[in-house]
């Protein structure tokens, strides 16, 4: 139908392949021209998708596997304190 799809998708045949894909992209994602915080894992079998169904908010046959959050130090450069008055 001509839908654009991410060229970095992969069909995995086992949970080990899914884990390897996740590990590979945990570093490769840093070179993408956009931000990403994880991968989405979906069952490819329409029969299994039908059998698993949906919750109220999401399909049971798809899950987002998030990467650990990025951490960076922060330095506070200035603090303005006021009580009940607007500081100008």
PDB file of N, CA and C in Angstrom:
ATOM      1  N   UNK A   1       0.815  -1.195   0.000  1.00  0.00           N
ATOM      2  CA  UNK A   1       0.000   0.000   0.000  1.00  0.00           C
ATOM      3  C   UNK A   1       0.861   1.262   0.000  1.00  0.00           C
ATOM      4  N   UNK A   2       2.170   1.101   0.068  1.00  0.00           N
ATOM      5  CA  UNK A   2       3.042   2.258  -0.029  1.00  0.00           C
ATOM      6  C   UNK A   2       3.348   2.964   1.279  1.00  0.00           C
ATOM      7  N   UNK A   3       2.975   2.358   2.417  1.00  0.00           N
ATOM      8  CA  UNK A   3       3.295   2.987   3.693  1.00  0.00           C
ATOM      9  C   UNK A   3       4.799   3.008   3.895  1.00  0.00           C
ATOM     10  N   UNK A   4       5.307   4.121   4.430  1.00  0.00           N
ATOM     11  CA  UNK A   4       6.718   4.193   4.762  1.00  0.00           C
ATOM     12  C   UNK A   4       6.934   3.446   6.077  1.00  0.00           C
ATOM     13  N   UNK A   5       7.946   2.614   6.123  1.00  0.00           N
ATOM     14  CA  UNK A   5       8.280   1.880   7.341  1.00  0.00           C
ATOM     15  C   UNK A   5       9.751   2.108   7.660  1.00  0.00           C
ATOM     16  N   UNK A   6      10.103   1.922   8.904  1.00  0.00           N
ATOM     17  CA  UNK A   6      11.483   2.117   9.325  1.00  0.00           C
ATOM     18  C   UNK A   6      12.361   1.042   8.681  1.00  0.00           C
ATOM     19  N   UNK A   7      13.423   1.439   7.995  1.00  0.00           N
ATOM     20  CA  UNK A   7      14.287   0.449   7.339  1.00  0.00           C
ATOM     21  C   UNK A   7      15.096  -0.383   8.336  1.00  0.00           C
ATOM     22  N   UNK A   8      15.105  -0.009   9.604  1.00  0.00           N
ATOM     23  CA  UNK A   8      15.881  -0.725  10.616  1.00  0.00           C
ATOM     24  C   UNK A   8      15.086  -1.828  11.309  1.00  0.00           C
ATOM     25  N   UNK A   9      13.909  -2.132  10.799  1.00  0.00           N
ATOM     26  CA  UNK A   9      13.101  -3.206  11.394  1.00  0.00           C
ATOM     27  C   UNK A   9      13.747  -4.553  11.095  1.00  0.00           C
ATOM     28  N   UNK A  10      13.385  -5.541  11.881  1.00  0.00           N
ATOM     29  CA  UNK A  10      13.932  -6.891  11.672  1.00  0.00           C
ATOM     30  C   UNK A  10      12.918  -7.909  12.156  1.00  0.00           C
ATOM     31  N   UNK A  11      12.770  -8.981  11.425  1.00  0.00           N
ATOM     32  CA  UNK A  11      11.923 -10.092  11.835  1.00  0.00           C
ATOM     33  C   UNK A  11      12.817 -11.098  12.553  1.00  0.00           C
ATOM     34  N   UNK A  12      12.523 -11.364  13.811  1.00  0.00           N
ATOM     35  CA  UNK A  12      13.341 -12.268  14.630  1.00  0.00           C
ATOM     36  C   UNK A  12      12.623 -13.605  14.789  1.00  0.00           C
ATOM     37  N   UNK A  13      13.392 -14.665  14.823  1.00  0.00           N
ATOM     38  CA  UNK A  13      12.819 -16.006  14.927  1.00  0.00           C
ATOM     39  C   UNK A  13      12.831 -16.582  16.331  1.00  0.00           C
ATOM     40  N   UNK A  14      13.418 -15.852  17.289  1.00  0.00           N
ATOM     41  CA  UNK A  14      13.488 -16.359  18.660  1.00  0.00           C
ATOM     42  C   UNK A  14      13.651 -15.199  19.630  1.00  0.00           C
ATOM     43  N   UNK A  15      13.437 -15.475  20.907  1.00  0.00           N
ATOM     44  CA  UNK A  15      13.650 -14.450  21.931  1.00  0.00           C
ATOM     45  C   UNK A  15      15.112 -14.031  22.005  1.00  0.00           C
ATOM     46  N   UNK A  16      16.019 -14.956  21.739  1.00  0.00           N
ATOM     47  CA  UNK A  16      17.447 -14.617  21.730  1.00  0.00           C
ATOM     48  C   UNK A  16      17.753 -13.603  20.634  1.00  0.00           C
ATOM     49  N   UNK A  17      17.129 -13.753  19.469  1.00  0.00           N
ATOM     50  CA  UNK A  17      17.326 -12.789  18.384  1.00  0.00           C
ATOM     51  C   UNK A  17      16.740 -11.429  18.747  1.00  0.00           C
ATOM     52  N   UNK A  18      15.606 -11.427  19.422  1.00  0.00           N
ATOM     53  CA  UNK A  18      15.003 -10.171  19.870  1.00  0.00           C
ATOM     54  C   UNK A  18      15.949  -9.464  20.835  1.00  0.00           C
ATOM     55  N   UNK A  19      16.502 -10.202  21.784  1.00  0.00           N
ATOM     56  CA  UNK A  19      17.423  -9.610  22.751  1.00  0.00           C
ATOM     57  C   UNK A  19      18.680  -9.075  22.057  1.00  0.00           C
ATOM     58  N   UNK A  20      19.193  -9.801  21.066  1.00  0.00           N
ATOM     59  CA  UNK A  20      20.381  -9.348  20.341  1.00  0.00           C
ATOM     60  C   UNK A  20      20.087  -8.060  19.569  1.00  0.00           C
ATOM     61  N   UNK A  21      18.905  -7.999  18.943  1.00  0.00           N
ATOM     62  CA  UNK A  21      18.493  -6.799  18.225  1.00  0.00           C
ATOM     63  C   UNK A  21      18.429  -5.610  19.179  1.00  0.00           C
ATOM     64  N   UNK A  22      17.826  -5.799  20.340  1.00  0.00           N
ATOM     65  CA  UNK A  22      17.724  -4.752  21.359  1.00  0.00           C
ATOM     66  C   UNK A  22      19.112  -4.281  21.793  1.00  0.00           C
ATOM     67  N   UNK A  23      20.012  -5.223  22.068  1.00  0.00           N
ATOM     68  CA  UNK A  23      21.365  -4.873  22.505  1.00  0.00           C
ATOM     69  C   UNK A  23      22.117  -4.123  21.410  1.00  0.00           C
ATOM     70  N   UNK A  24      22.010  -4.582  20.166  1.00  0.00           N
ATOM     71  CA  UNK A  24      22.681  -3.913  19.048  1.00  0.00           C
ATOM     72  C   UNK A  24      22.227  -2.463  18.913  1.00  0.00           C
ATOM     73  N   UNK A  25      20.918  -2.243  19.008  1.00  0.00           N
ATOM     74  CA  UNK A  25      20.376  -0.908  18.812  1.00  0.00           C
ATOM     75  C   UNK A  25      20.532  -0.010  20.033  1.00  0.00           C
ATOM     76  N   UNK A  26      20.876  -0.573  21.179  1.00  0.00           N
ATOM     77  CA  UNK A  26      21.082   0.279  22.351  1.00  0.00           C
ATOM     78  C   UNK A  26      22.240   1.249  22.108  1.00  0.00           C
ATOM     79  N   UNK A  27      23.212   0.865  21.270  1.00  0.00           N
ATOM     80  CA  UNK A  27      24.318   1.759  20.911  1.00  0.00           C
ATOM     81  C   UNK A  27      24.123   2.410  19.545  1.00  0.00           C
ATOM     82  N   UNK A  28      23.635   1.654  18.571  1.00  0.00           N
ATOM     83  CA  UNK A  28      23.463   2.193  17.215  1.00  0.00           C
ATOM     84  C   UNK A  28      22.462   3.344  17.185  1.00  0.00           C
ATOM     85  N   UNK A  29      21.515   3.371  18.113  1.00  0.00           N
ATOM     86  CA  UNK A  29      20.484   4.413  18.123  1.00  0.00           C
ATOM     87  C   UNK A  29      21.083   5.801  18.318  1.00  0.00           C
ATOM     88  N   UNK A  30      22.259   5.864  18.938  1.00  0.00           N
ATOM     89  CA  UNK A  30      22.902   7.156  19.187  1.00  0.00           C
ATOM     90  C   UNK A  30      23.332   7.841  17.896  1.00  0.00           C
ATOM     91  N   UNK A  31      23.430   7.086  16.795  1.00  0.00           N
ATOM     92  CA  UNK A  31      23.818   7.640  15.500  1.00  0.00           C
ATOM     93  C   UNK A  31      22.632   7.943  14.591  1.00  0.00           C
ATOM     94  N   UNK A  32      21.416   7.703  15.080  1.00  0.00           N
ATOM     95  CA  UNK A  32      20.229   7.989  14.271  1.00  0.00           C
ATOM     96  C   UNK A  32      19.975   9.489  14.221  1.00  0.00           C
ATOM     97  N   UNK A  33      19.340   9.999  13.161  1.00  0.00           N
ATOM     98  CA  UNK A  33      19.041  11.433  13.077  1.00  0.00           C
ATOM     99  C   UNK A  33      17.812  11.837  13.897  1.00  0.00           C
ATOM    100  N   UNK A  34      17.287  10.930  14.710  1.00  0.00           N
ATOM    101  CA  UNK A  34      16.139  11.205  15.579  1.00  0.00           C
ATOM    102  C   UNK A  34      16.355  10.458  16.887  1.00  0.00           C
ATOM    103  N   UNK A  35      15.607  10.857  17.923  1.00  0.00           N
ATOM    104  CA  UNK A  35      15.729  10.229  19.230  1.00  0.00           C
ATOM    105  C   UNK A  35      14.827   9.004  19.321  1.00  0.00           C
ATOM    106  N   UNK A  36      15.270   8.003  20.046  1.00  0.00           N
ATOM    107  CA  UNK A  36      14.459   6.823  20.314  1.00  0.00           C
ATOM    108  C   UNK A  36      14.772   6.329  21.714  1.00  0.00           C
ATOM    109  N   UNK A  37      13.765   5.800  22.390  1.00  0.00           N
ATOM    110  CA  UNK A  37      13.973   5.354  23.768  1.00  0.00           C
ATOM    111  C   UNK A  37      13.738   3.862  23.957  1.00  0.00           C
ATOM    112  N   UNK A  38      13.631   3.113  22.858  1.00  0.00           N
ATOM    113  CA  UNK A  38      13.436   1.674  22.965  1.00  0.00           C
ATOM    114  C   UNK A  38      13.027   1.071  21.635  1.00  0.00           C
ATOM    115  N   UNK A  39      12.692  -0.205  21.676  1.00  0.00           N
ATOM    116  CA  UNK A  39      12.206  -0.906  20.488  1.00  0.00           C
ATOM    117  C   UNK A  39      10.820  -1.456  20.779  1.00  0.00           C
ATOM    118  N   UNK A  40      10.030  -1.619  19.741  1.00  0.00           N
ATOM    119  CA  UNK A  40       8.704  -2.217  19.874  1.00  0.00           C
ATOM    120  C   UNK A  40       8.779  -3.637  19.341  1.00  0.00           C
ATOM    121  N   UNK A  41       8.320  -4.574  20.147  1.00  0.00           N
ATOM    122  CA  UNK A  41       8.330  -5.995  19.782  1.00  0.00           C
ATOM    123  C   UNK A  41       6.888  -6.408  19.509  1.00  0.00           C
ATOM    124  N   UNK A  42       6.666  -6.978  18.324  1.00  0.00           N
ATOM    125  CA  UNK A  42       5.319  -7.396  17.938  1.00  0.00           C
ATOM    126  C   UNK A  42       5.341  -8.833  17.456  1.00  0.00           C
ATOM    127  N   UNK A  43       4.271  -9.563  17.740  1.00  0.00           N
ATOM    128  CA  UNK A  43       4.108 -10.895  17.162  1.00  0.00           C
ATOM    129  C   UNK A  43       3.667 -10.728  15.717  1.00  0.00           C
ATOM    130  N   UNK A  44       4.253 -11.490  14.836  1.00  0.00           N
ATOM    131  CA  UNK A  44       3.975 -11.371  13.410  1.00  0.00           C
ATOM    132  C   UNK A  44       2.816 -12.257  12.967  1.00  0.00           C
ATOM    133  N   UNK A  45       2.385 -13.176  13.783  1.00  0.00           N
ATOM    134  CA  UNK A  45       1.315 -14.105  13.426  1.00  0.00           C
ATOM    135  C   UNK A  45      -0.056 -13.467  13.690  1.00  0.00           C
ATOM    136  N   UNK A  46      -0.850 -13.312  12.634  1.00  0.00           N
ATOM    137  CA  UNK A  46      -2.187 -12.737  12.807  1.00  0.00           C
ATOM    138  C   UNK A  46      -3.061 -13.633  13.681  1.00  0.00           C
ATOM    139  N   UNK A  47      -2.873 -14.959  13.587  1.00  0.00           N
ATOM    140  CA  UNK A  47      -3.633 -15.884  14.423  1.00  0.00           C
ATOM    141  C   UNK A  47      -3.315 -15.660  15.906  1.00  0.00           C
ATOM    142  N   UNK A  48      -2.029 -15.542  16.240  1.00  0.00           N
ATOM    143  CA  UNK A  48      -1.651 -15.285  17.634  1.00  0.00           C
ATOM    144  C   UNK A  48      -2.119 -13.909  18.089  1.00  0.00           C
ATOM    145  N   UNK A  49      -2.075 -12.920  17.211  1.00  0.00           N
ATOM    146  CA  UNK A  49      -2.570 -11.595  17.566  1.00  0.00           C
ATOM    147  C   UNK A  49      -4.057 -11.652  17.924  1.00  0.00           C
ATOM    148  N   UNK A  50      -4.837 -12.368  17.113  1.00  0.00           N
ATOM    149  CA  UNK A  50      -6.269 -12.511  17.391  1.00  0.00           C
ATOM    150  C   UNK A  50      -6.509 -13.225  18.716  1.00  0.00           C
ATOM    151  N   UNK A  51      -5.720 -14.269  18.991  1.00  0.00           N
ATOM    152  CA  UNK A  51      -5.894 -15.042  20.222  1.00  0.00           C
ATOM    153  C   UNK A  51      -5.514 -14.245  21.460  1.00  0.00           C
ATOM    154  N   UNK A  52      -4.479 -13.406  21.357  1.00  0.00           N
ATOM    155  CA  UNK A  52      -4.047 -12.608  22.503  1.00  0.00           C
ATOM    156  C   UNK A  52      -4.944 -11.402  22.750  1.00  0.00           C
ATOM    157  N   UNK A  53      -5.444 -10.799  21.691  1.00  0.00           N
ATOM    158  CA  UNK A  53      -6.381  -9.692  21.840  1.00  0.00           C
ATOM    159  C   UNK A  53      -5.757  -8.409  22.361  1.00  0.00           C
ATOM    160  N   UNK A  54      -6.593  -7.611  23.049  1.00  0.00           N
ATOM    161  CA  UNK A  54      -6.215  -6.282  23.503  1.00  0.00           C
ATOM    162  C   UNK A  54      -6.582  -6.090  24.964  1.00  0.00           C
ATOM    163  N   UNK A  55      -5.862  -5.176  25.623  1.00  0.00           N
ATOM    164  CA  UNK A  55      -6.308  -4.650  26.913  1.00  0.00           C
ATOM    165  C   UNK A  55      -7.169  -3.428  26.582  1.00  0.00           C
ATOM    166  N   UNK A  56      -7.562  -2.664  27.594  1.00  0.00           N
ATOM    167  CA  UNK A  56      -8.334  -1.446  27.328  1.00  0.00           C
ATOM    168  C   UNK A  56      -7.528  -0.417  26.553  1.00  0.00           C
ATOM    169  N   UNK A  57      -6.199  -0.451  26.670  1.00  0.00           N
ATOM    170  CA  UNK A  57      -5.373   0.589  26.073  1.00  0.00           C
ATOM    171  C   UNK A  57      -4.416   0.111  24.990  1.00  0.00           C
ATOM    172  N   UNK A  58      -4.091  -1.164  24.948  1.00  0.00           N
ATOM    173  CA  UNK A  58      -3.029  -1.601  24.037  1.00  0.00           C
ATOM    174  C   UNK A  58      -3.204  -3.066  23.642  1.00  0.00           C
ATOM    175  N   UNK A  59      -2.593  -3.451  22.517  1.00  0.00           N
ATOM    176  CA  UNK A  59      -2.632  -4.869  22.143  1.00  0.00           C
ATOM    177  C   UNK A  59      -1.722  -5.696  23.046  1.00  0.00           C
ATOM    178  N   UNK A  60      -2.126  -6.922  23.311  1.00  0.00           N
ATOM    179  CA  UNK A  60      -1.288  -7.818  24.120  1.00  0.00           C
ATOM    180  C   UNK A  60      -0.160  -8.439  23.308  1.00  0.00           C
ATOM    181  N   UNK A  61      -0.195  -8.267  21.996  1.00  0.00           N
ATOM    182  CA  UNK A  61       0.794  -8.877  21.115  1.00  0.00           C
ATOM    183  C   UNK A  61       1.898  -7.905  20.701  1.00  0.00           C
ATOM    184  N   UNK A  62       1.942  -6.729  21.331  1.00  0.00           N
ATOM    185  CA  UNK A  62       2.994  -5.752  21.056  1.00  0.00           C
ATOM    186  C   UNK A  62       3.429  -5.120  22.374  1.00  0.00           C
ATOM    187  N   UNK A  63       4.728  -4.906  22.536  1.00  0.00           N
ATOM    188  CA  UNK A  63       5.246  -4.317  23.761  1.00  0.00           C
ATOM    189  C   UNK A  63       6.446  -3.432  23.437  1.00  0.00           C
ATOM    190  N   UNK A  64       6.581  -2.353  24.179  1.00  0.00           N
ATOM    191  CA  UNK A  64       7.750  -1.476  24.029  1.00  0.00           C
ATOM    192  C   UNK A  64       8.799  -1.903  25.049  1.00  0.00           C
ATOM    193  N   UNK A  65       9.995  -2.170  24.573  1.00  0.00           N
ATOM    194  CA  UNK A  65      11.117  -2.529  25.447  1.00  0.00           C
ATOM    195  C   UNK A  65      12.025  -1.311  25.484  1.00  0.00           C
ATOM    196  N   UNK A  66      11.966  -0.574  26.598  1.00  0.00           N
ATOM    197  CA  UNK A  66      12.670   0.701  26.726  1.00  0.00           C
ATOM    198  C   UNK A  66      14.122   0.501  27.132  1.00  0.00           C
ATOM    199  N   UNK A  67      14.971   1.432  26.665  1.00  0.00           N
ATOM    200  CA  UNK A  67      16.366   1.455  27.090  1.00  0.00           C
ATOM    201  C   UNK A  67      16.450   2.143  28.451  1.00  0.00           C
ATOM    202  N   UNK A  68      17.503   1.881  29.212  1.00  0.00           N
ATOM    203  CA  UNK A  68      17.674   2.608  30.485  1.00  0.00           C
ATOM    204  C   UNK A  68      17.767   4.109  30.214  1.00  0.00           C
ATOM    205  N   UNK A  69      17.294   4.929  31.132  1.00  0.00           N
ATOM    206  CA  UNK A  69      17.344   6.378  30.895  1.00  0.00           C
ATOM    207  C   UNK A  69      18.780   6.877  30.840  1.00  0.00           C
ATOM    208  N   UNK A  70      18.990   7.891  30.006  1.00  0.00           N
ATOM    209  CA  UNK A  70      20.311   8.513  29.934  1.00  0.00           C
ATOM    210  C   UNK A  70      20.477   9.403  31.162  1.00  0.00           C
ATOM    211  N   UNK A  71      21.678   9.406  31.736  1.00  0.00           N
ATOM    212  CA  UNK A  71      21.954  10.217  32.912  1.00  0.00           C
ATOM    213  C   UNK A  71      23.079  11.184  32.598  1.00  0.00           C
ATOM    214  N   UNK A  72      22.954  12.400  33.094  1.00  0.00           N
ATOM    215  CA  UNK A  72      23.989  13.408  32.895  1.00  0.00           C
ATOM    216  C   UNK A  72      24.000  14.324  34.108  1.00  0.00           C
ATOM    217  N   UNK A  73      25.173  14.819  34.500  1.00  0.00           N
ATOM    218  CA  UNK A  73      25.231  15.738  35.641  1.00  0.00           C
ATOM    219  C   UNK A  73      24.619  17.092  35.280  1.00  0.00           C
ATOM    220  N   UNK A  74      24.056  17.746  36.274  1.00  0.00           N
ATOM    221  CA  UNK A  74      23.467  19.067  36.101  1.00  0.00           C
ATOM    222  C   UNK A  74      24.077  20.008  37.126  1.00  0.00           C
ATOM    223  N   UNK A  75      24.338  21.237  36.700  1.00  0.00           N
ATOM    224  CA  UNK A  75      24.878  22.234  37.614  1.00  0.00           C
ATOM    225  C   UNK A  75      23.865  23.361  37.750  1.00  0.00           C
ATOM    226  N   UNK A  76      23.489  23.685  38.988  1.00  0.00           N
ATOM    227  CA  UNK A  76      22.585  24.795  39.253  1.00  0.00           C
ATOM    228  C   UNK A  76      23.414  26.068  39.229  1.00  0.00           C
ATOM    229  N   UNK A  77      23.052  27.005  38.355  1.00  0.00           N
ATOM    230  CA  UNK A  77      23.823  28.231  38.205  1.00  0.00           C
ATOM    231  C   UNK A  77      23.219  29.403  38.950  1.00  0.00           C
ATOM    232  N   UNK A  78      21.927  29.370  39.242  1.00  0.00           N
ATOM    233  CA  UNK A  78      21.290  30.489  39.910  1.00  0.00           C
ATOM    234  C   UNK A  78      19.973  30.044  40.522  1.00  0.00           C
ATOM    235  N   UNK A  79      19.640  30.615  41.688  1.00  0.00           N
ATOM    236  CA  UNK A  79      18.353  30.346  42.338  1.00  0.00           C
ATOM    237  C   UNK A  79      17.757  31.680  42.760  1.00  0.00           C
ATOM    238  N   UNK A  80      16.510  31.915  42.396  1.00  0.00           N
ATOM    239  CA  UNK A  80      15.767  33.085  42.863  1.00  0.00           C
ATOM    240  C   UNK A  80      14.712  32.603  43.835  1.00  0.00           C
ATOM    241  N   UNK A  81      14.694  33.209  45.024  1.00  0.00           N
ATOM    242  CA  UNK A  81      13.747  32.821  46.060  1.00  0.00           C
ATOM    243  C   UNK A  81      12.776  33.963  46.269  1.00  0.00           C
ATOM    244  N   UNK A  82      11.481  33.630  46.299  1.00  0.00           N
ATOM    245  CA  UNK A  82      10.471  34.653  46.588  1.00  0.00           C
ATOM    246  C   UNK A  82       9.316  34.004  47.303  1.00  0.00           C
ATOM    247  N   UNK A  83       8.618  34.813  48.106  1.00  0.00           N
ATOM    248  CA  UNK A  83       7.435  34.336  48.814  1.00  0.00           C
ATOM    249  C   UNK A  83       6.299  35.270  48.487  1.00  0.00           C
ATOM    250  N   UNK A  84       5.358  34.816  47.722  1.00  0.00           N
ATOM    251  CA  UNK A  84       4.144  35.561  47.450  1.00  0.00           C
ATOM    252  C   UNK A  84       4.311  36.810  46.607  1.00  0.00           C
ATOM    253  N   UNK A  85       5.472  37.126  46.172  1.00  0.00           N
ATOM    254  CA  UNK A  85       5.672  38.305  45.342  1.00  0.00           C
ATOM    255  C   UNK A  85       6.352  37.894  44.045  1.00  0.00           C
ATOM    256  N   UNK A  86       6.016  38.606  43.032  1.00  0.00           N
ATOM    257  CA  UNK A  86       6.612  38.317  41.721  1.00  0.00           C
ATOM    258  C   UNK A  86       7.986  38.989  41.645  1.00  0.00           C
ATOM    259  N   UNK A  87       8.991  38.236  41.290  1.00  0.00           N
ATOM    260  CA  UNK A  87      10.347  38.758  41.162  1.00  0.00           C
ATOM    261  C   UNK A  87      10.522  39.299  39.764  1.00  0.00           C
ATOM    262  N   UNK A  88      11.053  40.528  39.685  1.00  0.00           N
ATOM    263  CA  UNK A  88      11.266  41.140  38.350  1.00  0.00           C
ATOM    264  C   UNK A  88      12.716  41.275  38.060  1.00  0.00           C
TER     265      UNK A  88
END
